[in-house]
Amino acid sequence: MAATSRNGRRATSRGSGTRQRARTGGRRQRKPVSRGELTPSRRKALRRRWVAVLGFVTVLVLGYVVLFTPLLGVRAVDVEGAEHVSAGLVRDRASVEAGKSLLRVDTSAVQDRVQGLEELADVEVSRSWPATIVISVTERIPIAVTETSQGFRLVDRHGVAYRTVPDKPTEIPTLPKGAKTNDDQRREAAVTVLAELPSQLRERVETVAADSRHTVRFTLDDDTEVVWGDAERSARKAKVLAALLTREGSVYDVSSPELPTVR
């Protein structure tokens, strides 16, 4: 009887344990985690979120500081390459706002404004950190001069008349009086020939003119007239002219350097 009772209890105990495991899915029950405790994986995930948030906030703050505060604002405008043009005039034309963030300065717009100065052939604008705008200018170089009712206009090698001076520079050849606008092809042809002449020969030129784009002629400081033609083969023409000038004559034609003439 006692044995049966013990066996019965054992059976009942085993049956109860089987039903309990069935209700829990055969897994051991985990100890519940209190609110104050975090698993390592949750702590890592929370740390990554905080790092991401802090990084985003930092980027926003730095962006605001760089773009909208005077910390990296313009404090100087340097002008390089200006000799005859006033650096102050270049700065005035640039109109760069002092204190404005260096990144927000529109360098293309600044370049366009400065390029409007007729004395300048080229303009480059750049940023120099932490707080400087650099404007590099290339001035036009006079290669000829033409007389007008207001004075004498300097002309560069592209035929651009860009500045009026009261007196004629003695070292620069003269174009015919009343030369027309900057796109005058004859004037452009004349200054193109001047630009191609060897420096020693160009220094002797007193006047230069072009009857057409292909017929350029000039006079030298001894009143000798030279018929040059166009700007092609200028080096060859200069050598031929140097040889011809040893002969007597008043007009030297090297427009065709293979068949030069003297009269």
Protein backbone atom coordinates (compact mmCIF):
# COMPACT_ATOMS: atom_id res chain seq x y z
CA MET A 1 0.00 0.00 0.00
CA ALA A 2 2.77 2.40 0.98
CA ALA A 3 4.73 1.52 -2.12
CA THR A 4 1.73 2.10 -4.28
CA SER A 5 1.22 5.44 -2.62
CA ARG A 6 4.81 6.40 -3.22
CA ASN A 7 4.63 5.33 -6.84
CA GLY A 8 1.47 7.30 -7.27
CA ARG A 9 3.09 10.43 -5.89
CA ARG A 10 6.05 9.89 -8.10
CA ALA A 11 3.79 9.52 -11.13
CA THR A 12 1.81 12.56 -10.17
CA SER A 13 5.00 14.54 -9.66
CA ARG A 14 6.37 13.50 -13.04
CA GLY A 15 3.09 14.29 -14.75
CA SER A 16 2.93 17.72 -13.18
CA GLY A 17 6.53 18.49 -14.29
CA THR A 18 5.74 17.40 -17.86
CA ARG A 19 2.69 19.65 -18.03
CA GLN A 20 4.71 22.62 -16.69
CA ARG A 21 7.44 22.14 -19.32
CA ALA A 22 4.79 21.90 -22.01
CA ARG A 23 3.32 25.26 -20.90
CA THR A 24 6.75 26.96 -21.03
CA GLY A 25 7.63 25.47 -24.41
CA GLY A 26 10.32 23.24 -23.00
CA ARG A 27 12.53 26.24 -22.14
CA ARG A 28 13.79 27.30 -18.81
CA GLN A 29 12.19 30.47 -17.57
CA ARG A 30 14.52 33.50 -17.57
CA LYS A 31 14.83 35.77 -14.67
CA PRO A 32 12.90 38.99 -15.46
CA VAL A 33 15.07 42.11 -16.04
CA SER A 34 14.22 45.04 -13.87
CA ARG A 35 13.88 48.56 -15.35
CA GLY A 36 17.17 49.63 -13.81
CA GLU A 37 19.11 46.89 -15.58
CA LEU A 38 20.19 46.89 -19.31
CA THR A 39 21.74 44.05 -21.19
CA PRO A 40 25.14 44.69 -22.87
CA SER A 41 23.57 44.68 -26.34
CA ARG A 42 20.97 47.26 -25.34
CA ARG A 43 23.66 49.42 -23.76
CA LYS A 44 25.70 49.32 -27.00
CA ALA A 45 22.66 50.21 -29.11
CA LEU A 46 21.79 53.11 -26.80
CA ARG A 47 25.40 54.33 -26.89
CA ARG A 48 25.40 54.28 -30.71
CA ARG A 49 22.20 56.30 -30.79
CA TRP A 50 23.65 58.92 -28.47
CA VAL A 51 26.86 59.14 -30.55
CA ALA A 52 24.80 59.61 -33.73
CA VAL A 53 22.68 62.31 -32.11
CA LEU A 54 25.72 64.12 -30.73
CA GLY A 55 27.47 63.92 -34.10
CA PHE A 56 24.42 65.36 -35.89
CA VAL A 57 24.12 68.19 -33.37
CA THR A 58 27.85 68.91 -33.69
CA VAL A 59 27.59 69.14 -37.47
CA LEU A 60 24.65 71.53 -37.15
CA VAL A 61 26.49 73.74 -34.68
CA LEU A 62 29.67 73.81 -36.77
CA GLY A 63 27.68 74.55 -39.91
CA TYR A 64 25.92 77.44 -38.22
CA VAL A 65 29.21 78.81 -36.87
CA VAL A 66 30.93 78.57 -40.26
CA LEU A 67 28.05 79.94 -42.33
CA PHE A 68 26.27 82.45 -40.12
CA THR A 69 28.71 83.86 -37.59
CA PRO A 70 31.72 86.20 -37.98
CA LEU A 71 34.10 83.55 -36.60
CA LEU A 72 35.21 82.67 -40.16
CA GLY A 73 33.97 85.90 -41.69
CA VAL A 74 35.85 88.05 -44.18
CA ARG A 75 38.33 90.31 -42.44
CA ALA A 76 40.59 91.23 -45.39
CA VAL A 77 40.48 91.55 -49.18
CA ASP A 78 43.94 91.23 -50.73
CA VAL A 79 44.59 92.50 -54.26
CA GLU A 80 47.51 90.97 -56.17
CA GLY A 81 48.99 92.10 -59.49
CA ALA A 82 47.68 95.68 -59.46
CA GLU A 83 50.30 98.21 -60.55
CA HIS A 84 48.55 100.91 -62.53
CA VAL A 85 45.06 100.13 -61.24
CA SER A 86 44.33 101.23 -57.69
CA ALA A 87 43.90 98.33 -55.27
CA GLY A 88 41.28 100.41 -53.48
CA LEU A 89 39.32 100.71 -56.73
CA VAL A 90 39.43 96.93 -57.13
CA ARG A 91 38.15 96.44 -53.57
CA ASP A 92 35.37 98.95 -54.11
CA ARG A 93 34.29 97.20 -57.29
CA ALA A 94 34.49 93.79 -55.59
CA SER A 95 32.01 94.91 -52.88
CA VAL A 96 32.86 92.05 -50.50
CA GLU A 97 30.86 92.39 -47.28
CA ALA A 98 33.10 92.52 -44.21
CA GLY A 99 32.30 89.82 -41.67
CA LYS A 100 30.35 87.70 -44.13
CA SER A 101 31.15 84.01 -43.92
CA LEU A 102 34.00 83.13 -46.27
CA LEU A 103 32.02 80.16 -47.58
CA ARG A 104 29.03 82.32 -48.43
CA VAL A 105 31.01 84.79 -50.57
CA ASP A 106 30.05 84.29 -54.23
CA THR A 107 33.51 84.40 -55.82
CA SER A 108 32.07 84.23 -59.35
CA ALA A 109 29.96 87.32 -58.72
CA VAL A 110 32.97 89.14 -57.25
CA GLN A 111 35.00 88.20 -60.32
CA ASP A 112 32.32 89.50 -62.68
CA ARG A 113 32.14 92.83 -60.85
CA VAL A 114 35.91 93.37 -60.87
CA GLN A 115 36.18 92.22 -64.48
CA GLY A 116 34.06 95.25 -65.34
CA LEU A 117 37.13 97.45 -64.86
CA GLU A 118 38.30 98.08 -68.41
CA GLU A 119 41.96 98.26 -67.37
CA LEU A 120 41.95 94.57 -66.42
CA ALA A 121 42.47 91.72 -68.87
CA ASP A 122 41.84 88.91 -66.41
CA VAL A 123 40.60 88.43 -62.82
CA GLU A 124 40.72 85.45 -60.46
CA VAL A 125 39.07 85.37 -57.03
CA SER A 126 39.85 82.79 -54.35
CA ARG A 127 39.46 82.17 -50.62
CA SER A 128 42.41 82.16 -48.25
CA TRP A 129 41.49 80.67 -44.88
CA PRO A 130 40.61 81.63 -42.32
CA ALA A 131 39.34 85.08 -43.28
CA THR A 132 40.73 86.51 -46.54
CA ILE A 133 39.45 86.96 -50.09
CA VAL A 134 42.28 87.14 -52.64
CA ILE A 135 41.72 88.98 -55.92
CA SER A 136 44.45 88.36 -58.50
CA VAL A 137 44.33 90.73 -61.47
CA THR A 138 46.15 90.88 -64.79
CA GLU A 139 46.33 94.37 -66.18
CA ARG A 140 46.11 95.16 -69.86
CA ILE A 141 49.46 96.06 -71.43
CA PRO A 142 49.39 98.96 -73.91
CA ILE A 143 50.83 98.11 -77.28
CA ALA A 144 49.56 101.14 -79.21
CA VAL A 145 47.77 104.43 -78.68
CA THR A 146 45.13 106.27 -80.68
CA GLU A 147 44.23 109.95 -80.49
CA THR A 148 40.70 111.00 -79.62
CA SER A 149 38.98 114.27 -78.77
CA GLN A 150 39.34 113.45 -75.05
CA GLY A 151 43.03 112.57 -75.22
CA PHE A 152 44.96 109.44 -76.09
CA ARG A 153 43.45 105.99 -75.68
CA LEU A 154 45.73 103.10 -74.79
CA VAL A 155 45.12 99.96 -76.84
CA ASP A 156 46.14 96.41 -75.83
CA ARG A 157 47.23 93.56 -78.08
CA HIS A 158 43.62 92.50 -78.62
CA GLY A 159 42.65 95.89 -79.99
CA VAL A 160 40.80 96.94 -76.84
CA ALA A 161 41.01 100.68 -76.10
CA TYR A 162 40.83 100.75 -72.33
CA ARG A 163 42.22 103.95 -70.83
CA THR A 164 42.48 107.64 -71.73
CA VAL A 165 45.67 109.51 -70.89
CA PRO A 166 46.30 113.25 -71.43
CA ASP A 167 49.66 112.87 -73.16
CA LYS A 168 50.91 110.43 -75.77
CA PRO A 169 53.38 107.90 -74.37
CA THR A 170 56.56 108.30 -76.41
CA GLU A 171 57.48 104.60 -76.39
CA ILE A 172 54.17 103.35 -77.85
CA PRO A 173 53.30 103.37 -81.59
CA THR A 174 50.37 105.47 -82.77
CA LEU A 175 47.32 104.15 -84.58
CA PRO A 176 45.56 106.39 -87.14
CA LYS A 177 43.54 109.20 -85.61
CA GLY A 178 39.86 108.44 -85.30
CA ALA A 179 40.30 104.66 -85.14
CA LYS A 180 36.95 103.07 -84.63
CA THR A 181 35.48 100.77 -81.98
CA ASN A 182 37.22 97.90 -80.25
CA ASP A 183 35.97 95.36 -82.79
CA ASP A 184 37.50 97.23 -85.76
CA GLN A 185 39.19 94.42 -87.67
CA ARG A 186 41.82 96.69 -89.16
CA ARG A 187 42.90 97.95 -85.77
CA GLU A 188 42.96 94.42 -84.43
CA ALA A 189 45.15 93.36 -87.35
CA ALA A 190 47.54 96.25 -86.71
CA VAL A 191 48.01 95.51 -83.00
CA THR A 192 48.32 91.79 -83.69
CA VAL A 193 51.28 92.52 -85.97
CA LEU A 194 52.80 94.79 -83.31
CA ALA A 195 52.50 92.04 -80.72
CA GLU A 196 54.34 89.62 -83.01
CA LEU A 197 57.25 91.95 -83.78
CA PRO A 198 60.59 91.33 -82.07
CA SER A 199 60.99 93.80 -79.22
CA GLN A 200 63.96 95.61 -80.81
CA LEU A 201 61.97 96.26 -83.98
CA ARG A 202 58.76 97.19 -82.14
CA GLU A 203 60.61 99.84 -80.15
CA ARG A 204 61.44 101.60 -83.44
CA VAL A 205 57.85 101.70 -84.71
CA GLU A 206 56.33 105.19 -84.70
CA THR A 207 52.97 104.64 -86.42
CA VAL A 208 51.06 101.57 -87.52
CA ALA A 209 48.00 101.18 -89.74
CA ALA A 210 46.10 98.53 -91.66
CA ASP A 211 44.42 99.04 -95.00
CA SER A 212 42.82 95.62 -94.50
CA ARG A 213 43.26 92.60 -92.26
CA HIS A 214 46.08 91.39 -94.53
CA THR A 215 47.79 94.70 -95.33
CA VAL A 216 49.50 96.14 -92.27
CA ARG A 217 52.18 98.79 -92.67
CA PHE A 218 54.19 100.88 -90.24
CA THR A 219 56.81 103.61 -90.17
CA LEU A 220 60.05 103.48 -88.22
CA ASP A 221 61.73 106.22 -86.22
CA ASP A 222 63.77 107.26 -89.31
CA ASP A 223 60.60 107.68 -91.42
CA THR A 224 61.23 104.41 -93.23
CA GLU A 225 57.98 102.73 -94.29
CA VAL A 226 57.55 98.98 -93.93
CA VAL A 227 54.84 97.00 -95.71
CA TRP A 228 54.37 93.99 -93.47
CA GLY A 229 51.21 92.25 -94.63
CA ASP A 230 49.50 90.08 -92.01
CA ALA A 231 50.84 88.61 -88.77
CA GLU A 232 51.82 85.30 -90.35
CA ARG A 233 55.54 84.37 -90.45
CA SER A 234 56.50 87.43 -88.44
CA ALA A 235 59.79 85.93 -87.29
CA ARG A 236 60.80 85.24 -90.90
CA LYS A 237 59.75 88.72 -92.03
CA ALA A 238 61.74 90.33 -89.21
CA LYS A 239 64.94 88.55 -90.34
CA VAL A 240 64.37 89.55 -93.96
CA LEU A 241 63.67 93.17 -92.95
CA ALA A 242 66.86 93.33 -90.89
CA ALA A 243 68.84 92.35 -93.98
CA LEU A 244 66.95 94.77 -96.25
CA LEU A 245 67.50 97.74 -93.94
CA THR A 246 71.20 97.63 -94.82
CA ARG A 247 70.22 98.77 -98.32
CA GLU A 248 69.19 102.25 -99.41
CA GLY A 249 65.47 102.80 -99.74
CA SER A 250 62.38 104.41 -98.28
CA VAL A 251 59.83 101.62 -98.57
CA TYR A 252 60.58 98.02 -97.59
CA ASP A 253 58.02 95.40 -98.52
CA VAL A 254 58.30 92.08 -96.68
CA SER A 255 54.67 91.04 -97.01
CA SER A 256 55.98 88.14 -99.07
CA PRO A 257 59.29 87.34 -97.38
CA GLU A 258 60.37 85.08 -100.25
CA LEU A 259 60.11 88.05 -102.67
CA PRO A 260 60.94 91.21 -100.67
CA THR A 261 61.30 94.54 -102.42
CA VAL A 262 63.00 97.85 -101.70
CA ARG A 263 62.13 101.13 -103.41
